[in-house]
Amino acid sequence: MDLNNPDRVHGEVLDYIDVVEDLLRRETKEEAGIELGNNFKYLKSMSFIRPDGIPVVMVKLAADYAGGDVALEEDSFTDYAWVNTQEVNKYDCLLGIDEEVAMTIQLFEQKS
């Protein structure tokens, strides 16, 4: 986000549009080498306290795949897998990931 170039100005209020979506696109490209499309869907939110005492609010979104070959960021990831609702259970995942995979697939199978 370029603070010097807002998308809209309403008096003294500066609007920056699609900041979260742009961040997700950029980070996904940097960390996984793939591109996300423009179809973002809300999954859920959660909050937690990190071990160092810092509170975190996490908003989980699903996005459509736009292209690119997976190229994992060096020293960040060791492996990846494209999975469906059955295959995700073959992996030792974070609690709730299987539900989120199912939610994502269901959201994108629905007619928009």
Protein backbone atom coordinates (compact mmCIF):
# COMPACT_ATOMS: atom_id res chain seq x y z
CA MET A 1 0.00 0.00 0.00
CA ASP A 2 1.38 3.34 -1.03
CA LEU A 3 0.29 5.81 1.65
CA ASN A 4 0.96 8.71 -0.73
CA ASN A 5 -1.54 7.39 -3.29
CA PRO A 6 -4.95 6.66 -1.78
CA ASP A 7 -7.65 5.21 -4.03
CA ARG A 8 -10.20 7.79 -2.86
CA VAL A 9 -10.24 10.91 -0.73
CA HIS A 10 -13.24 12.02 1.35
CA GLY A 11 -12.23 15.30 2.93
CA GLU A 12 -9.49 14.31 5.37
CA VAL A 13 -10.23 10.57 5.09
CA LEU A 14 -8.01 8.59 2.73
CA ASP A 15 -9.33 5.26 1.35
CA TYR A 16 -7.07 2.38 0.32
CA ILE A 17 -9.07 -0.28 -1.52
CA ASP A 18 -8.33 -4.04 -1.59
CA VAL A 19 -5.39 -3.76 0.81
CA VAL A 20 -5.89 -7.23 2.30
CA GLU A 21 -6.40 -8.85 -1.10
CA ASP A 22 -3.29 -7.18 -2.52
CA LEU A 23 -1.27 -8.29 0.52
CA LEU A 24 -2.47 -11.88 0.10
CA ARG A 25 -1.60 -11.85 -3.60
CA ARG A 26 1.88 -10.47 -2.93
CA GLU A 27 2.67 -12.84 -0.05
CA THR A 28 1.36 -15.89 -1.91
CA LYS A 29 3.53 -15.02 -4.91
CA GLU A 30 6.61 -14.47 -2.70
CA GLU A 31 6.12 -17.53 -0.49
CA ALA A 32 4.63 -20.07 -2.91
CA GLY A 33 5.28 -18.72 -6.41
CA ILE A 34 1.62 -18.85 -7.44
CA GLU A 35 -0.83 -16.14 -8.38
CA LEU A 36 -4.24 -15.62 -6.84
CA GLY A 37 -7.23 -14.43 -8.81
CA ASN A 38 -9.78 -11.80 -7.81
CA ASN A 39 -12.35 -14.09 -6.21
CA PHE A 40 -11.77 -13.91 -2.45
CA LYS A 41 -14.24 -15.51 -0.07
CA TYR A 42 -14.45 -15.11 3.69
CA LEU A 43 -14.02 -18.34 5.66
CA LYS A 44 -13.82 -17.35 9.33
CA SER A 45 -11.91 -15.34 11.88
CA MET A 46 -10.18 -16.23 15.09
CA SER A 47 -8.01 -14.63 17.71
CA PHE A 48 -5.27 -16.01 19.91
CA ILE A 49 -2.45 -14.94 22.18
CA ARG A 50 1.03 -15.75 20.91
CA PRO A 51 3.54 -17.34 23.32
CA ASP A 52 5.24 -13.93 23.63
CA GLY A 53 1.96 -12.43 24.89
CA ILE A 54 1.00 -10.53 21.73
CA PRO A 55 -2.68 -10.85 20.78
CA VAL A 56 -3.44 -11.71 17.16
CA VAL A 57 -6.64 -11.44 15.12
CA MET A 58 -6.62 -13.72 12.09
CA VAL A 59 -9.07 -13.38 9.20
CA LYS A 60 -9.11 -16.44 6.96
CA LEU A 61 -9.97 -16.03 3.29
CA ALA A 62 -10.09 -18.44 0.39
CA ALA A 63 -9.02 -17.33 -3.07
CA ASP A 64 -9.11 -18.73 -6.56
CA TYR A 65 -5.92 -19.96 -8.19
CA ALA A 66 -4.92 -17.80 -11.16
CA GLY A 67 -1.73 -19.53 -12.26
CA GLY A 68 1.93 -20.22 -11.79
CA ASP A 69 3.98 -23.18 -10.70
CA VAL A 70 4.60 -23.72 -7.01
CA ALA A 71 8.08 -22.51 -6.05
CA LEU A 72 8.41 -22.48 -2.27
CA GLU A 73 10.30 -19.64 -0.62
CA GLU A 74 13.68 -20.91 0.50
CA ASP A 75 14.02 -21.58 4.24
CA SER A 76 10.29 -21.00 4.79
CA PHE A 77 8.63 -24.22 3.65
CA THR A 78 9.74 -27.79 3.08
CA ASP A 79 6.82 -29.22 1.10
CA TYR A 80 3.32 -28.60 -0.24
CA ALA A 81 0.34 -30.60 -1.48
CA TRP A 82 -2.84 -29.81 -3.41
CA VAL A 83 -5.56 -31.71 -1.57
CA ASN A 84 -9.28 -32.40 -1.54
CA THR A 85 -11.44 -33.06 1.50
CA GLN A 86 -10.34 -36.68 1.80
CA GLU A 87 -6.64 -36.22 1.02
CA VAL A 88 -6.11 -33.48 3.61
CA ASN A 89 -6.62 -36.06 6.36
CA LYS A 90 -3.47 -37.92 5.22
CA TYR A 91 -1.37 -35.01 6.54
CA ASP A 92 -0.51 -33.82 10.02
CA CYS A 93 -2.14 -30.38 9.75
CA LEU A 94 -3.01 -27.59 12.12
CA LEU A 95 -6.25 -28.11 14.00
CA GLY A 96 -9.21 -27.12 11.79
CA ILE A 97 -7.41 -27.10 8.43
CA ASP A 98 -9.47 -30.06 7.21
CA GLU A 99 -12.67 -28.10 7.87
CA GLU A 100 -11.29 -25.04 6.09
CA VAL A 101 -10.31 -27.08 3.03
CA ALA A 102 -13.87 -28.44 2.91
CA MET A 103 -15.34 -24.94 3.33
CA THR A 104 -13.12 -23.58 0.56
CA ILE A 105 -14.05 -26.31 -1.90
CA GLN A 106 -17.73 -25.88 -1.09
CA LEU A 107 -17.59 -22.09 -1.53
CA PHE A 108 -15.93 -22.33 -4.92
CA GLU A 109 -18.27 -25.09 -6.14
CA GLN A 110 -21.29 -22.86 -5.48
CA LYS A 111 -22.55 -20.73 -8.35
CA SER A 112 -21.51 -17.11 -7.87
